[in-house]
């Protein structure tokens, strides 16, 4: 049995932290609860700042890496990206965060584990 927190636990902690900061969080796609990948979409006051995926670097460190479409002004492209990733990996989680300093908050929770 691993002492590593599950994906579902990390997503739940992230959602609670965002709400505690006065922000809003929404799980756009719920993936595999034990070890699914996590992608966060960062939004602040309705303005999209991009997608970031939780990845393990070659050094073994966990980090958030930018991913997804570059043009965040096109909602169709963003939805198409999510749908394409879910088709290729149904275990993946997508979480939208609308909070100030969302990248720092997400990194503190998702990369510290």
N, C-alpha and C. Protein backbone atom coordinates (compact mmCIF):
# COMPACT_ATOMS: atom_id res chain seq x y z
N UNK A 1 0.84 -1.19 0.00
CA UNK A 1 0.00 0.00 0.00
C UNK A 1 0.88 1.25 0.00
N UNK A 2 0.58 2.17 -0.89
CA UNK A 2 1.36 3.39 -1.05
C UNK A 2 0.90 4.47 -0.07
N UNK A 3 1.86 5.27 0.39
CA UNK A 3 1.51 6.39 1.25
C UNK A 3 1.26 7.65 0.43
N UNK A 4 1.36 7.53 -0.89
CA UNK A 4 1.13 8.65 -1.79
C UNK A 4 -0.37 8.97 -1.82
N UNK A 5 -0.75 10.25 -1.73
CA UNK A 5 -2.18 10.60 -1.78
C UNK A 5 -2.78 10.26 -3.15
N UNK A 6 -4.03 9.87 -3.13
CA UNK A 6 -4.71 9.54 -4.38
C UNK A 6 -5.05 10.80 -5.15
N UNK A 7 -5.32 10.62 -6.43
CA UNK A 7 -5.72 11.75 -7.28
C UNK A 7 -7.01 12.38 -6.75
N UNK A 8 -7.96 11.55 -6.37
CA UNK A 8 -9.23 12.08 -5.86
C UNK A 8 -9.00 12.91 -4.59
N UNK A 9 -8.11 12.48 -3.73
CA UNK A 9 -7.78 13.22 -2.52
C UNK A 9 -7.17 14.58 -2.88
N UNK A 10 -6.20 14.58 -3.82
CA UNK A 10 -5.55 15.83 -4.22
C UNK A 10 -6.53 16.81 -4.85
N UNK A 11 -7.41 16.31 -5.71
CA UNK A 11 -8.40 17.18 -6.34
C UNK A 11 -9.34 17.75 -5.29
N UNK A 12 -9.77 16.93 -4.35
CA UNK A 12 -10.65 17.40 -3.28
C UNK A 12 -9.97 18.47 -2.43
N UNK A 13 -8.69 18.26 -2.12
CA UNK A 13 -7.94 19.26 -1.34
C UNK A 13 -7.81 20.56 -2.11
N UNK A 14 -7.58 20.46 -3.42
CA UNK A 14 -7.45 21.65 -4.25
C UNK A 14 -8.77 22.42 -4.31
N UNK A 15 -9.86 21.73 -4.50
CA UNK A 15 -11.18 22.37 -4.55
C UNK A 15 -11.47 23.08 -3.23
N UNK A 16 -11.21 22.41 -2.11
CA UNK A 16 -11.46 23.04 -0.80
C UNK A 16 -10.57 24.26 -0.58
N UNK A 17 -9.31 24.19 -1.00
CA UNK A 17 -8.40 25.32 -0.83
C UNK A 17 -8.85 26.52 -1.66
N UNK A 18 -9.29 26.28 -2.88
CA UNK A 18 -9.77 27.37 -3.73
C UNK A 18 -11.00 28.02 -3.10
N UNK A 19 -11.93 27.19 -2.63
CA UNK A 19 -13.14 27.73 -2.01
C UNK A 19 -12.81 28.49 -0.72
N UNK A 20 -11.82 28.03 0.03
CA UNK A 20 -11.41 28.73 1.26
C UNK A 20 -10.80 30.09 0.94
N UNK A 21 -10.23 30.24 -0.27
CA UNK A 21 -9.65 31.52 -0.70
C UNK A 21 -10.72 32.44 -1.30
N UNK A 22 -11.97 31.98 -1.34
CA UNK A 22 -13.05 32.78 -1.90
C UNK A 22 -13.23 32.58 -3.39
N UNK A 23 -12.54 31.60 -3.97
CA UNK A 23 -12.66 31.33 -5.39
C UNK A 23 -13.67 30.23 -5.67
N UNK A 24 -13.71 29.84 -6.93
CA UNK A 24 -14.62 28.78 -7.34
C UNK A 24 -13.80 27.71 -8.06
N UNK A 25 -14.19 26.46 -7.84
CA UNK A 25 -13.54 25.33 -8.51
C UNK A 25 -14.61 24.39 -9.03
N UNK A 26 -14.35 23.82 -10.19
CA UNK A 26 -15.29 22.87 -10.78
C UNK A 26 -14.51 21.72 -11.40
N UNK A 27 -14.93 20.51 -11.12
CA UNK A 27 -14.35 19.34 -11.76
C UNK A 27 -15.07 19.18 -13.10
N UNK A 28 -14.33 19.40 -14.19
CA UNK A 28 -14.90 19.32 -15.53
C UNK A 28 -14.96 17.88 -16.04
N UNK A 29 -14.02 17.07 -15.59
CA UNK A 29 -14.03 15.63 -15.91
C UNK A 29 -13.39 14.88 -14.75
N UNK A 30 -14.13 13.91 -14.27
CA UNK A 30 -13.66 13.09 -13.15
C UNK A 30 -13.03 11.83 -13.73
N UNK A 31 -11.76 11.62 -13.41
CA UNK A 31 -11.03 10.48 -13.94
C UNK A 31 -10.87 9.37 -12.92
N UNK A 32 -9.82 8.60 -13.10
CA UNK A 32 -9.53 7.47 -12.23
C UNK A 32 -9.16 7.98 -10.84
N UNK A 33 -9.84 7.50 -9.79
CA UNK A 33 -9.66 8.08 -8.46
C UNK A 33 -8.31 7.83 -7.80
N UNK A 34 -7.64 6.75 -8.16
CA UNK A 34 -6.38 6.42 -7.48
C UNK A 34 -5.17 7.12 -8.09
N UNK A 35 -5.05 7.07 -9.41
CA UNK A 35 -3.80 7.55 -10.01
C UNK A 35 -3.98 8.26 -11.34
N UNK A 36 -5.15 8.85 -11.59
CA UNK A 36 -5.37 9.57 -12.83
C UNK A 36 -4.53 10.84 -12.90
N UNK A 37 -4.21 11.26 -14.10
CA UNK A 37 -3.49 12.52 -14.32
C UNK A 37 -4.40 13.69 -13.96
N UNK A 38 -3.79 14.83 -13.66
CA UNK A 38 -4.57 16.03 -13.30
C UNK A 38 -4.15 17.19 -14.20
N UNK A 39 -5.14 17.84 -14.81
CA UNK A 39 -4.92 19.07 -15.56
C UNK A 39 -5.83 20.13 -14.94
N UNK A 40 -5.24 21.28 -14.61
CA UNK A 40 -6.03 22.39 -14.09
C UNK A 40 -6.11 23.48 -15.15
N UNK A 41 -7.30 24.06 -15.26
CA UNK A 41 -7.50 25.22 -16.12
C UNK A 41 -7.59 26.42 -15.18
N UNK A 42 -6.67 27.35 -15.36
CA UNK A 42 -6.62 28.51 -14.48
C UNK A 42 -7.39 29.68 -15.08
N UNK A 43 -8.29 30.21 -14.27
CA UNK A 43 -9.12 31.35 -14.66
C UNK A 43 -9.06 32.34 -13.51
N UNK A 44 -9.03 33.61 -13.83
CA UNK A 44 -9.12 34.63 -12.78
C UNK A 44 -10.05 35.73 -13.26
N UNK A 45 -11.14 35.89 -12.54
CA UNK A 45 -12.16 36.87 -12.89
C UNK A 45 -12.64 36.70 -14.32
N UNK A 46 -12.86 35.45 -14.72
CA UNK A 46 -13.38 35.15 -16.04
C UNK A 46 -12.36 35.14 -17.16
N UNK A 47 -11.11 35.48 -16.88
CA UNK A 47 -10.07 35.51 -17.91
C UNK A 47 -9.25 34.23 -17.82
N UNK A 48 -9.18 33.49 -18.92
CA UNK A 48 -8.43 32.23 -18.95
C UNK A 48 -6.93 32.48 -18.98
N UNK A 49 -6.22 31.74 -18.14
CA UNK A 49 -4.76 31.85 -18.08
C UNK A 49 -4.06 30.60 -18.59
N UNK A 50 -4.81 29.57 -18.94
CA UNK A 50 -4.19 28.40 -19.52
C UNK A 50 -4.42 27.13 -18.74
N UNK A 51 -3.94 26.03 -19.34
CA UNK A 51 -4.00 24.72 -18.73
C UNK A 51 -2.62 24.34 -18.21
N UNK A 52 -2.59 23.63 -17.09
CA UNK A 52 -1.35 23.15 -16.51
C UNK A 52 -1.55 21.71 -16.06
N UNK A 53 -0.61 20.86 -16.45
CA UNK A 53 -0.72 19.45 -16.11
C UNK A 53 0.29 19.09 -15.02
N UNK A 54 -0.16 18.28 -14.09
CA UNK A 54 0.72 17.78 -13.02
C UNK A 54 1.52 16.63 -13.60
N UNK A 55 2.85 16.82 -13.67
CA UNK A 55 3.73 15.80 -14.25
C UNK A 55 4.90 15.54 -13.31
N UNK A 56 5.48 14.37 -13.46
CA UNK A 56 6.69 14.03 -12.72
C UNK A 56 7.87 14.23 -13.67
N UNK A 57 8.79 15.11 -13.28
CA UNK A 57 9.97 15.41 -14.10
C UNK A 57 10.96 14.25 -14.02
N UNK A 58 11.95 14.27 -14.89
CA UNK A 58 12.97 13.23 -14.88
C UNK A 58 13.70 13.16 -13.54
N UNK A 59 13.79 14.28 -12.86
CA UNK A 59 14.45 14.32 -11.55
C UNK A 59 13.61 13.66 -10.46
N UNK A 60 12.34 13.39 -10.77
CA UNK A 60 11.43 12.81 -9.78
C UNK A 60 10.55 13.85 -9.11
N UNK A 61 10.86 15.13 -9.34
CA UNK A 61 10.06 16.21 -8.75
C UNK A 61 8.73 16.32 -9.49
N UNK A 62 7.68 16.64 -8.75
CA UNK A 62 6.36 16.85 -9.35
C UNK A 62 6.21 18.34 -9.61
N UNK A 63 5.74 18.68 -10.82
CA UNK A 63 5.60 20.09 -11.18
C UNK A 63 4.37 20.29 -12.06
N UNK A 64 3.97 21.55 -12.19
CA UNK A 64 2.89 21.91 -13.11
C UNK A 64 3.53 22.42 -14.39
N UNK A 65 3.12 21.82 -15.51
CA UNK A 65 3.68 22.17 -16.81
C UNK A 65 2.56 22.71 -17.70
N UNK A 66 2.80 23.85 -18.36
CA UNK A 66 1.78 24.38 -19.28
C UNK A 66 1.46 23.36 -20.37
N UNK A 67 0.21 23.31 -20.74
CA UNK A 67 -0.24 22.40 -21.81
C UNK A 67 -1.46 23.01 -22.46
N UNK A 68 -1.94 22.38 -23.51
CA UNK A 68 -3.19 22.82 -24.12
C UNK A 68 -3.04 23.90 -25.15
N UNK A 69 -4.17 24.42 -25.61
CA UNK A 69 -4.16 25.42 -26.68
C UNK A 69 -3.52 26.72 -26.20
N UNK A 70 -2.88 27.39 -27.13
CA UNK A 70 -2.22 28.67 -26.80
C UNK A 70 -3.20 29.83 -26.81
N UNK A 71 -4.21 29.74 -27.66
CA UNK A 71 -5.18 30.84 -27.78
C UNK A 71 -6.31 30.60 -26.77
N UNK A 72 -6.23 31.24 -25.64
CA UNK A 72 -7.21 31.04 -24.58
C UNK A 72 -8.45 31.90 -24.78
N UNK A 73 -8.52 32.64 -25.89
CA UNK A 73 -9.70 33.44 -26.19
C UNK A 73 -10.72 32.66 -27.01
N UNK A 74 -10.42 31.42 -27.33
CA UNK A 74 -11.30 30.60 -28.15
C UNK A 74 -11.89 29.45 -27.32
N UNK A 75 -13.07 29.64 -26.75
CA UNK A 75 -13.67 28.58 -25.92
C UNK A 75 -13.82 27.25 -26.65
N UNK A 76 -14.07 27.30 -27.96
CA UNK A 76 -14.22 26.07 -28.73
C UNK A 76 -12.92 25.26 -28.69
N UNK A 77 -11.78 25.93 -28.86
CA UNK A 77 -10.49 25.25 -28.82
C UNK A 77 -10.22 24.62 -27.45
N UNK A 78 -10.62 25.32 -26.41
CA UNK A 78 -10.41 24.78 -25.06
C UNK A 78 -11.26 23.54 -24.83
N UNK A 79 -12.52 23.59 -25.22
CA UNK A 79 -13.39 22.42 -25.05
C UNK A 79 -12.93 21.26 -25.93
N UNK A 80 -12.49 21.57 -27.13
CA UNK A 80 -11.98 20.54 -28.02
C UNK A 80 -10.74 19.87 -27.42
N UNK A 81 -9.87 20.65 -26.80
CA UNK A 81 -8.68 20.11 -26.15
C UNK A 81 -9.07 19.14 -25.03
N UNK A 82 -10.00 19.56 -24.19
CA UNK A 82 -10.46 18.70 -23.08
C UNK A 82 -11.04 17.40 -23.64
N UNK A 83 -11.92 17.51 -24.63
CA UNK A 83 -12.55 16.33 -25.21
C UNK A 83 -11.52 15.39 -25.83
N UNK A 84 -10.54 15.94 -26.52
CA UNK A 84 -9.50 15.13 -27.16
C UNK A 84 -8.66 14.39 -26.11
N UNK A 85 -8.29 15.09 -25.06
CA UNK A 85 -7.49 14.45 -24.00
C UNK A 85 -8.28 13.37 -23.28
N UNK A 86 -9.57 13.61 -23.03
CA UNK A 86 -10.41 12.61 -22.35
C UNK A 86 -10.59 11.39 -23.23
N UNK A 87 -10.74 11.60 -24.54
CA UNK A 87 -10.86 10.45 -25.46
C UNK A 87 -9.61 9.59 -25.42
N UNK A 88 -8.44 10.23 -25.39
CA UNK A 88 -7.19 9.46 -25.41
C UNK A 88 -6.80 8.93 -24.03
N UNK A 89 -7.31 9.56 -22.97
CA UNK A 89 -7.01 9.12 -21.60
C UNK A 89 -8.23 9.35 -20.71
N UNK A 90 -9.17 8.40 -20.67
CA UNK A 90 -10.38 8.60 -19.88
C UNK A 90 -10.13 8.68 -18.37
N UNK A 91 -8.91 8.34 -17.93
CA UNK A 91 -8.58 8.40 -16.50
C UNK A 91 -8.18 9.79 -16.04
N UNK A 92 -8.02 10.72 -16.97
CA UNK A 92 -7.54 12.07 -16.66
C UNK A 92 -8.61 12.90 -15.94
N UNK A 93 -8.17 13.78 -15.06
CA UNK A 93 -9.04 14.73 -14.37
C UNK A 93 -8.80 16.12 -14.95
N UNK A 94 -9.88 16.89 -15.17
CA UNK A 94 -9.80 18.29 -15.54
C UNK A 94 -10.52 19.09 -14.46
N UNK A 95 -9.81 20.08 -13.91
CA UNK A 95 -10.36 20.91 -12.85
C UNK A 95 -10.18 22.37 -13.23
N UNK A 96 -11.27 23.13 -13.20
CA UNK A 96 -11.19 24.56 -13.48
C UNK A 96 -11.13 25.31 -12.16
N UNK A 97 -10.15 26.21 -12.06
CA UNK A 97 -9.98 27.02 -10.85
C UNK A 97 -10.15 28.49 -11.22
N UNK A 98 -11.03 29.17 -10.53
CA UNK A 98 -11.20 30.61 -10.72
C UNK A 98 -10.88 31.27 -9.38
N UNK A 99 -9.62 31.67 -9.25
CA UNK A 99 -9.11 32.20 -7.98
C UNK A 99 -7.85 33.00 -8.27
N UNK A 100 -7.58 34.00 -7.44
CA UNK A 100 -6.35 34.76 -7.57
C UNK A 100 -5.16 33.85 -7.25
N UNK A 101 -4.09 34.02 -8.01
CA UNK A 101 -2.86 33.24 -7.81
C UNK A 101 -3.12 31.74 -7.84
N UNK A 102 -3.95 31.33 -8.79
CA UNK A 102 -4.33 29.92 -8.91
C UNK A 102 -3.17 28.99 -9.18
N UNK A 103 -2.19 29.45 -9.96
CA UNK A 103 -1.05 28.58 -10.27
C UNK A 103 -0.25 28.26 -9.00
N UNK A 104 -0.03 29.27 -8.17
CA UNK A 104 0.72 29.05 -6.94
C UNK A 104 -0.05 28.13 -5.98
N UNK A 105 -1.35 28.34 -5.89
CA UNK A 105 -2.19 27.51 -5.02
C UNK A 105 -2.21 26.07 -5.51
N UNK A 106 -2.38 25.88 -6.81
CA UNK A 106 -2.40 24.52 -7.38
C UNK A 106 -1.05 23.85 -7.18
N UNK A 107 0.04 24.57 -7.39
CA UNK A 107 1.37 23.99 -7.21
C UNK A 107 1.60 23.60 -5.76
N UNK A 108 1.15 24.44 -4.83
CA UNK A 108 1.36 24.14 -3.41
C UNK A 108 0.67 22.84 -3.00
N UNK A 109 -0.46 22.55 -3.59
CA UNK A 109 -1.21 21.33 -3.22
C UNK A 109 -0.81 20.14 -4.08
N UNK A 110 -0.74 20.34 -5.37
CA UNK A 110 -0.50 19.21 -6.28
C UNK A 110 0.96 18.79 -6.37
N UNK A 111 1.88 19.69 -6.12
CA UNK A 111 3.30 19.37 -6.27
C UNK A 111 3.98 19.03 -4.95
N UNK A 112 3.32 19.31 -3.86
CA UNK A 112 3.93 19.02 -2.55
C UNK A 112 3.73 17.57 -2.17
N UNK A 113 2.77 16.91 -2.79
CA UNK A 113 2.44 15.52 -2.41
C UNK A 113 3.41 14.53 -3.00
